[in-house]
Amino acid sequence: MEFITNTPEETAQLGRRLGMLLAQRGTPSFVAMYGDLGAGKTVFVRGMGSALSPGSRVKSPTYTLVNEYRRGTIPFFHFDLYRIADAGELDGFGFDEYLARGICVAEWSEHLGKDIPEGAVLVTIEKAGESQRRITVNGLGEGETL
């Protein structure tokens, strides 16, 4: 699926819709985010957080690797993988346990290489203008739509 958003608010709203869809599943999920610096990945994740952990202040976990949000019915974990070289650096960190416990979203997922969890939703955000974004979402189940 491809979407065009014209404002950061529209980008966040699309993220919110994905968050609501994942919450309806009620099972652990992984969202792999791709996009250049400043593309709007964190804005999209904030939208997800507004659905998954209402009232939480979602911000990029650049220096902590992961932020945990637990105000919703299923835990929400936000990763920033910019500073890792490859998935091997996550060994011993408990990454697999996070994947089993809630909804995980990871910015800079290209750093995972081929180690993207099976069944992941893939979100790519590209700049299409000053504030316009082209957002591609792949990996939703049959009948699932935003």
N, C-alpha and C. Protein backbone atom coordinates (compact mmCIF):
# COMPACT_ATOMS: atom_id res chain seq x y z
N MET A 1 0.83 -1.17 0.00
CA MET A 1 0.00 0.00 0.00
C MET A 1 0.88 1.23 0.00
N GLU A 2 0.48 2.22 -0.76
CA GLU A 2 1.22 3.47 -0.80
C GLU A 2 0.30 4.63 -0.43
N PHE A 3 0.83 5.53 0.38
CA PHE A 3 0.08 6.70 0.83
C PHE A 3 0.93 7.94 0.62
N ILE A 4 0.28 9.06 0.36
CA ILE A 4 0.94 10.36 0.31
C ILE A 4 0.37 11.19 1.45
N THR A 5 1.26 11.72 2.29
CA THR A 5 0.83 12.64 3.34
C THR A 5 1.42 14.01 3.04
N ASN A 6 0.70 15.04 3.42
CA ASN A 6 1.12 16.41 3.10
C ASN A 6 1.58 17.21 4.30
N THR A 7 1.38 16.67 5.50
CA THR A 7 1.79 17.37 6.72
C THR A 7 2.28 16.34 7.73
N PRO A 8 3.06 16.77 8.71
CA PRO A 8 3.44 15.85 9.77
C PRO A 8 2.22 15.25 10.49
N GLU A 9 1.17 16.04 10.62
CA GLU A 9 -0.04 15.54 11.29
C GLU A 9 -0.66 14.38 10.50
N GLU A 10 -0.67 14.47 9.18
CA GLU A 10 -1.19 13.37 8.36
C GLU A 10 -0.30 12.14 8.48
N THR A 11 1.01 12.35 8.56
CA THR A 11 1.95 11.23 8.75
C THR A 11 1.68 10.54 10.08
N ALA A 12 1.51 11.33 11.14
CA ALA A 12 1.20 10.77 12.46
C ALA A 12 -0.14 10.05 12.44
N GLN A 13 -1.13 10.59 11.75
CA GLN A 13 -2.45 9.95 11.68
C GLN A 13 -2.36 8.58 11.01
N LEU A 14 -1.54 8.47 9.97
CA LEU A 14 -1.36 7.16 9.32
C LEU A 14 -0.70 6.18 10.29
N GLY A 15 0.27 6.67 11.06
CA GLY A 15 0.88 5.83 12.10
C GLY A 15 -0.14 5.40 13.13
N ARG A 16 -1.02 6.31 13.51
CA ARG A 16 -2.08 5.98 14.47
C ARG A 16 -2.97 4.86 13.93
N ARG A 17 -3.31 4.94 12.66
CA ARG A 17 -4.16 3.91 12.06
C ARG A 17 -3.46 2.55 12.08
N LEU A 18 -2.14 2.53 11.82
CA LEU A 18 -1.41 1.26 11.92
C LEU A 18 -1.39 0.78 13.36
N GLY A 19 -1.16 1.67 14.31
CA GLY A 19 -1.18 1.29 15.71
C GLY A 19 -2.51 0.68 16.13
N MET A 20 -3.60 1.28 15.67
CA MET A 20 -4.94 0.76 16.01
C MET A 20 -5.13 -0.64 15.41
N LEU A 21 -4.67 -0.82 14.18
CA LEU A 21 -4.78 -2.13 13.53
C LEU A 21 -3.99 -3.19 14.31
N LEU A 22 -2.77 -2.86 14.70
CA LEU A 22 -1.95 -3.81 15.45
C LEU A 22 -2.55 -4.09 16.83
N ALA A 23 -3.13 -3.09 17.46
CA ALA A 23 -3.77 -3.29 18.76
C ALA A 23 -4.97 -4.23 18.62
N GLN A 24 -5.70 -4.12 17.52
CA GLN A 24 -6.84 -5.02 17.29
C GLN A 24 -6.39 -6.46 17.14
N ARG A 25 -5.21 -6.66 16.57
CA ARG A 25 -4.68 -8.03 16.46
C ARG A 25 -4.51 -8.63 17.86
N GLY A 26 -4.02 -7.79 18.78
CA GLY A 26 -3.83 -8.25 20.15
C GLY A 26 -2.68 -9.20 20.34
N THR A 27 -1.79 -9.30 19.37
CA THR A 27 -0.65 -10.20 19.45
C THR A 27 0.63 -9.42 19.22
N PRO A 28 1.75 -9.98 19.65
CA PRO A 28 3.02 -9.29 19.38
C PRO A 28 3.21 -9.08 17.88
N SER A 29 3.77 -7.95 17.52
CA SER A 29 4.03 -7.59 16.13
C SER A 29 5.34 -6.83 16.05
N PHE A 30 5.93 -6.82 14.85
CA PHE A 30 7.15 -6.06 14.62
C PHE A 30 6.94 -5.18 13.41
N VAL A 31 7.28 -3.90 13.55
CA VAL A 31 7.20 -2.94 12.45
C VAL A 31 8.62 -2.46 12.17
N ALA A 32 9.09 -2.72 10.95
CA ALA A 32 10.42 -2.30 10.52
C ALA A 32 10.29 -0.99 9.75
N MET A 33 10.92 0.06 10.26
CA MET A 33 10.84 1.39 9.65
C MET A 33 12.11 1.66 8.83
N TYR A 34 11.89 2.23 7.64
CA TYR A 34 12.99 2.61 6.76
C TYR A 34 12.78 4.04 6.30
N GLY A 35 13.86 4.77 6.11
CA GLY A 35 13.76 6.14 5.60
C GLY A 35 14.97 6.95 6.02
N ASP A 36 15.28 7.94 5.22
CA ASP A 36 16.42 8.80 5.50
C ASP A 36 16.21 9.63 6.76
N LEU A 37 17.28 10.20 7.24
CA LEU A 37 17.23 11.11 8.37
C LEU A 37 16.27 12.25 8.03
N GLY A 38 15.33 12.54 8.92
CA GLY A 38 14.37 13.61 8.71
C GLY A 38 13.19 13.25 7.83
N ALA A 39 13.06 11.98 7.47
CA ALA A 39 11.95 11.57 6.60
C ALA A 39 10.60 11.58 7.32
N GLY A 40 10.61 11.38 8.63
CA GLY A 40 9.35 11.37 9.38
C GLY A 40 9.08 10.07 10.11
N LYS A 41 10.11 9.25 10.30
CA LYS A 41 9.92 7.96 10.98
C LYS A 41 9.40 8.16 12.41
N THR A 42 10.02 9.06 13.14
CA THR A 42 9.60 9.28 14.53
C THR A 42 8.21 9.89 14.59
N VAL A 43 7.87 10.75 13.65
CA VAL A 43 6.51 11.31 13.60
C VAL A 43 5.50 10.19 13.41
N PHE A 44 5.79 9.26 12.51
CA PHE A 44 4.92 8.12 12.26
C PHE A 44 4.78 7.27 13.54
N VAL A 45 5.90 7.03 14.20
CA VAL A 45 5.89 6.23 15.44
C VAL A 45 5.11 6.94 16.54
N ARG A 46 5.20 8.26 16.61
CA ARG A 46 4.39 9.00 17.60
C ARG A 46 2.91 8.74 17.37
N GLY A 47 2.52 8.69 16.10
CA GLY A 47 1.13 8.36 15.79
C GLY A 47 0.77 6.98 16.27
N MET A 48 1.65 6.01 16.05
CA MET A 48 1.40 4.66 16.56
C MET A 48 1.25 4.68 18.07
N GLY A 49 2.14 5.41 18.72
CA GLY A 49 2.11 5.50 20.18
C GLY A 49 0.83 6.12 20.71
N SER A 50 0.25 7.06 19.96
CA SER A 50 -0.99 7.67 20.43
C SER A 50 -2.13 6.66 20.49
N ALA A 51 -2.05 5.62 19.66
CA ALA A 51 -3.05 4.56 19.69
C ALA A 51 -2.69 3.45 20.67
N LEU A 52 -1.40 3.15 20.79
CA LEU A 52 -0.96 2.00 21.58
C LEU A 52 -0.66 2.32 23.04
N SER A 53 -0.32 3.56 23.32
CA SER A 53 0.00 3.96 24.69
C SER A 53 -0.48 5.39 24.91
N PRO A 54 -1.80 5.55 24.97
CA PRO A 54 -2.39 6.90 25.07
C PRO A 54 -1.80 7.70 26.23
N GLY A 55 -1.48 8.95 25.95
CA GLY A 55 -0.95 9.83 26.98
C GLY A 55 0.55 9.77 27.15
N SER A 56 1.21 8.83 26.45
CA SER A 56 2.66 8.74 26.54
C SER A 56 3.30 9.77 25.62
N ARG A 57 4.44 10.27 26.01
CA ARG A 57 5.21 11.20 25.18
C ARG A 57 6.25 10.38 24.42
N VAL A 58 5.95 10.04 23.20
CA VAL A 58 6.83 9.20 22.39
C VAL A 58 7.93 10.06 21.79
N LYS A 59 9.17 9.66 22.05
CA LYS A 59 10.33 10.36 21.49
C LYS A 59 11.34 9.31 21.04
N SER A 60 12.25 9.74 20.19
CA SER A 60 13.24 8.82 19.65
C SER A 60 14.18 8.31 20.75
N PRO A 61 14.41 7.00 20.78
CA PRO A 61 15.33 6.43 21.78
C PRO A 61 16.77 6.38 21.28
N THR A 62 17.22 7.41 20.58
CA THR A 62 18.52 7.41 19.92
C THR A 62 19.66 6.97 20.84
N TYR A 63 19.69 7.44 22.06
CA TYR A 63 20.82 7.14 22.94
C TYR A 63 20.55 5.99 23.90
N THR A 64 19.31 5.52 23.96
CA THR A 64 18.99 4.43 24.88
C THR A 64 18.66 3.13 24.16
N LEU A 65 18.57 3.13 22.86
CA LEU A 65 18.23 2.00 22.01
C LEU A 65 16.75 1.66 22.01
N VAL A 66 16.10 1.66 23.19
CA VAL A 66 14.68 1.33 23.24
C VAL A 66 13.97 2.16 24.30
N ASN A 67 12.76 2.61 23.98
CA ASN A 67 11.86 3.22 24.95
C ASN A 67 10.66 2.30 25.10
N GLU A 68 10.22 2.13 26.32
CA GLU A 68 9.09 1.25 26.61
C GLU A 68 7.89 2.10 27.01
N TYR A 69 6.73 1.74 26.46
CA TYR A 69 5.48 2.43 26.77
C TYR A 69 4.44 1.37 27.16
N ARG A 70 3.80 1.56 28.29
CA ARG A 70 2.91 0.52 28.82
C ARG A 70 1.54 1.05 29.24
N ARG A 71 1.08 2.13 28.63
CA ARG A 71 -0.23 2.68 29.01
C ARG A 71 -1.38 2.05 28.25
N GLY A 72 -1.09 1.19 27.30
CA GLY A 72 -2.13 0.54 26.51
C GLY A 72 -2.37 -0.88 26.97
N THR A 73 -3.17 -1.60 26.21
CA THR A 73 -3.50 -2.98 26.56
C THR A 73 -2.37 -3.95 26.23
N ILE A 74 -1.47 -3.57 25.34
CA ILE A 74 -0.33 -4.41 24.98
C ILE A 74 0.91 -3.51 25.02
N PRO A 75 2.02 -3.97 25.59
CA PRO A 75 3.22 -3.13 25.66
C PRO A 75 3.69 -2.70 24.27
N PHE A 76 4.24 -1.48 24.20
CA PHE A 76 4.73 -0.89 22.97
C PHE A 76 6.19 -0.53 23.17
N PHE A 77 7.06 -1.06 22.29
CA PHE A 77 8.50 -0.85 22.41
C PHE A 77 9.02 -0.17 21.15
N HIS A 78 9.72 0.94 21.33
CA HIS A 78 10.21 1.75 20.23
C HIS A 78 11.74 1.71 20.22
N PHE A 79 12.30 1.10 19.17
CA PHE A 79 13.74 0.95 19.02
C PHE A 79 14.29 1.95 18.01
N ASP A 80 15.51 2.40 18.24
CA ASP A 80 16.26 3.18 17.27
C ASP A 80 17.57 2.43 17.06
N LEU A 81 17.73 1.83 15.88
CA LEU A 81 18.87 0.97 15.60
C LEU A 81 19.99 1.68 14.85
N TYR A 82 19.93 3.00 14.79
CA TYR A 82 20.90 3.78 14.02
C TYR A 82 22.33 3.48 14.45
N ARG A 83 22.57 3.30 15.72
CA ARG A 83 23.93 3.17 16.24
C ARG A 83 24.44 1.73 16.29
N ILE A 84 23.66 0.76 15.81
CA ILE A 84 24.18 -0.60 15.78
C ILE A 84 24.69 -0.91 14.37
N ALA A 85 25.67 -1.78 14.29
CA ALA A 85 26.24 -2.15 12.99
C ALA A 85 25.47 -3.28 12.34
N ASP A 86 25.00 -4.22 13.17
CA ASP A 86 24.24 -5.36 12.65
C ASP A 86 23.44 -6.00 13.78
N ALA A 87 22.60 -6.96 13.41
CA ALA A 87 21.70 -7.59 14.38
C ALA A 87 22.46 -8.32 15.49
N GLY A 88 23.69 -8.74 15.23
CA GLY A 88 24.48 -9.43 16.25
C GLY A 88 24.70 -8.60 17.50
N GLU A 89 24.69 -7.28 17.35
CA GLU A 89 24.87 -6.41 18.51
C GLU A 89 23.68 -6.47 19.47
N LEU A 90 22.56 -7.02 19.03
CA LEU A 90 21.38 -7.12 19.89
C LEU A 90 21.37 -8.42 20.69
N ASP A 91 22.29 -9.34 20.40
CA ASP A 91 22.40 -10.57 21.17
C ASP A 91 22.72 -10.21 22.62
N GLY A 92 22.04 -10.83 23.54
CA GLY A 92 22.26 -10.55 24.95
C GLY A 92 21.52 -9.32 25.45
N PHE A 93 20.91 -8.57 24.56
CA PHE A 93 20.15 -7.38 24.94
C PHE A 93 18.72 -7.72 25.31
N GLY A 94 18.25 -8.91 24.89
CA GLY A 94 16.87 -9.30 25.15
C GLY A 94 15.92 -8.93 24.04
N PHE A 95 16.45 -8.65 22.85
CA PHE A 95 15.63 -8.24 21.71
C PHE A 95 14.52 -9.25 21.44
N ASP A 96 14.84 -10.54 21.45
CA ASP A 96 13.83 -11.57 21.18
C ASP A 96 12.72 -11.56 22.22
N GLU A 97 13.06 -11.24 23.47
CA GLU A 97 12.04 -11.18 24.52
C GLU A 97 11.09 -10.00 24.28
N TYR A 98 11.64 -8.88 23.83
CA TYR A 98 10.78 -7.75 23.48
C TYR A 98 9.80 -8.16 22.38
N LEU A 99 10.32 -8.85 21.36
CA LEU A 99 9.49 -9.26 20.23
C LEU A 99 8.33 -10.15 20.67
N ALA A 100 8.55 -10.95 21.68
CA ALA A 100 7.52 -11.89 22.15
C ALA A 100 6.51 -11.23 23.09
N ARG A 101 6.84 -10.03 23.64
CA ARG A 101 6.00 -9.44 24.68
C ARG A 101 5.06 -8.35 24.21
N GLY A 102 5.27 -7.80 23.03
CA GLY A 102 4.42 -6.67 22.67
C GLY A 102 4.57 -6.26 21.22
N ILE A 103 4.22 -5.02 20.96
CA ILE A 103 4.35 -4.45 19.62
C ILE A 103 5.64 -3.67 19.60
N CYS A 104 6.52 -4.06 18.69
CA CYS A 104 7.83 -3.43 18.56
C CYS A 104 7.90 -2.69 17.23
N VAL A 105 8.45 -1.49 17.27
CA VAL A 105 8.72 -0.74 16.05
C VAL A 105 10.18 -0.32 16.12
N ALA A 106 10.89 -0.49 15.00
CA ALA A 106 12.32 -0.17 14.97
C ALA A 106 12.63 0.76 13.83
N GLU A 107 13.13 1.95 14.19
CA GLU A 107 13.65 2.85 13.18
C GLU A 107 15.04 2.35 12.77
N TRP A 108 15.42 2.63 11.53
CA TRP A 108 16.70 2.21 10.97
C TRP A 108 16.81 0.68 10.92
N SER A 109 15.76 0.03 10.51
CA SER A 109 15.73 -1.43 10.46
C SER A 109 16.69 -2.03 9.43
N GLU A 110 17.19 -1.20 8.51
CA GLU A 110 18.17 -1.71 7.56
C GLU A 110 19.41 -2.24 8.29
N HIS A 111 19.64 -1.81 9.53
CA HIS A 111 20.77 -2.30 10.32
C HIS A 111 20.57 -3.74 10.77
N LEU A 112 19.36 -4.26 10.65
CA LEU A 112 19.11 -5.66 10.98
C LEU A 112 19.47 -6.59 9.83
N GLY A 113 19.67 -6.03 8.66
CA GLY A 113 20.00 -6.86 7.49
C GLY A 113 18.89 -7.85 7.21
N LYS A 114 19.26 -9.11 7.09
CA LYS A 114 18.29 -10.16 6.78
C LYS A 114 17.61 -10.70 8.03
N ASP A 115 17.91 -10.12 9.19
CA ASP A 115 17.36 -10.61 10.45
C ASP A 115 16.07 -9.91 10.87
N ILE A 116 15.31 -9.42 9.90
CA ILE A 116 14.00 -8.84 10.19
C ILE A 116 13.08 -9.98 10.66
N PRO A 117 12.39 -9.81 11.78
CA PRO A 117 11.51 -10.87 12.26
C PRO A 117 10.46 -11.28 11.23
N GLU A 118 10.18 -12.55 11.19
CA GLU A 118 9.17 -13.08 10.28
C GLU A 118 7.82 -12.43 10.56
N GLY A 119 7.09 -12.13 9.51
CA GLY A 119 5.77 -11.53 9.65
C GLY A 119 5.79 -10.03 9.92
N ALA A 120 6.95 -9.41 9.77
CA ALA A 120 7.07 -7.97 10.06
C ALA A 120 6.25 -7.14 9.08
N VAL A 121 5.77 -6.01 9.58
CA VAL A 121 5.18 -4.98 8.73
C VAL A 121 6.33 -4.03 8.37
N LEU A 122 6.48 -3.75 7.08
CA LEU A 122 7.58 -2.91 6.60
C LEU A 122 7.03 -1.55 6.20
N VAL A 123 7.57 -0.49 6.77
CA VAL A 123 7.12 0.87 6.48
C VAL A 123 8.32 1.67 5.97
N THR A 124 8.19 2.18 4.76
CA THR A 124 9.23 3.03 4.17
C THR A 124 8.66 4.42 3.98
N ILE A 125 9.40 5.42 4.46
CA ILE A 125 8.98 6.82 4.33
C ILE A 125 10.02 7.55 3.48
N GLU A 126 9.53 8.21 2.43
CA GLU A 126 10.41 8.96 1.55
C GLU A 126 9.91 10.40 1.45
N LYS A 127 10.83 11.33 1.41
CA LYS A 127 10.47 12.73 1.19
C LYS A 127 10.01 12.87 -0.25
N ALA A 128 8.85 13.51 -0.43
CA ALA A 128 8.31 13.75 -1.77
C ALA A 128 8.12 15.25 -1.99
N GLY A 129 8.63 16.04 -1.08
CA GLY A 129 8.50 17.49 -1.11
C GLY A 129 8.89 18.02 0.25
N GLU A 130 8.74 19.31 0.46
CA GLU A 130 9.15 19.90 1.74
C GLU A 130 8.50 19.20 2.94
N SER A 131 7.18 19.04 2.90
CA SER A 131 6.51 18.33 4.00
C SER A 131 5.71 17.13 3.49
N GLN A 132 5.71 16.92 2.20
CA GLN A 132 4.99 15.77 1.62
C GLN A 132 5.85 14.51 1.75
N ARG A 133 5.19 13.40 2.10
CA ARG A 133 5.87 12.12 2.26
C ARG A 133 5.15 11.03 1.49
N ARG A 134 5.94 10.12 0.92
CA ARG A 134 5.40 8.91 0.29
C ARG A 134 5.69 7.78 1.28
N ILE A 135 4.62 7.15 1.75
CA ILE A 135 4.75 6.11 2.77
C ILE A 135 4.24 4.80 2.19
N THR A 136 5.11 3.81 2.18
CA THR A 136 4.77 2.49 1.66
C THR A 136 4.69 1.52 2.84
N VAL A 137 3.58 0.79 2.91
CA VAL A 137 3.37 -0.18 3.99
C VAL A 137 3.18 -1.55 3.35
N ASN A 138 4.04 -2.49 3.71
CA ASN A 138 3.95 -3.86 3.22
C ASN A 138 3.90 -4.83 4.39
N GLY A 139 3.31 -5.99 4.17
CA GLY A 139 3.31 -7.03 5.18
C GLY A 139 2.05 -7.13 6.02
N LEU A 140 1.03 -6.36 5.69
CA LEU A 140 -0.23 -6.50 6.42
C LEU A 140 -0.89 -7.80 5.99
N GLY A 141 -1.70 -8.35 6.85
CA GLY A 141 -2.40 -9.60 6.55
C GLY A 141 -3.53 -9.37 5.53
N GLU A 142 -3.98 -10.47 4.99
CA GLU A 142 -5.08 -10.40 4.03
C GLU A 142 -6.29 -9.77 4.69
N GLY A 143 -6.87 -8.80 4.00
CA GLY A 143 -8.04 -8.11 4.53
C GLY A 143 -7.72 -6.96 5.47
N GLU A 144 -6.44 -6.80 5.85
CA GLU A 144 -6.05 -5.69 6.71
C GLU A 144 -5.73 -4.48 5.85
N THR A 145 -6.26 -3.36 6.22
CA THR A 145 -6.02 -2.13 5.48
C THR A 145 -5.96 -0.95 6.42
N LEU A 146 -5.29 0.09 5.97
CA LEU A 146 -5.21 1.33 6.74
C LEU A 146 -6.17 2.29 6.11
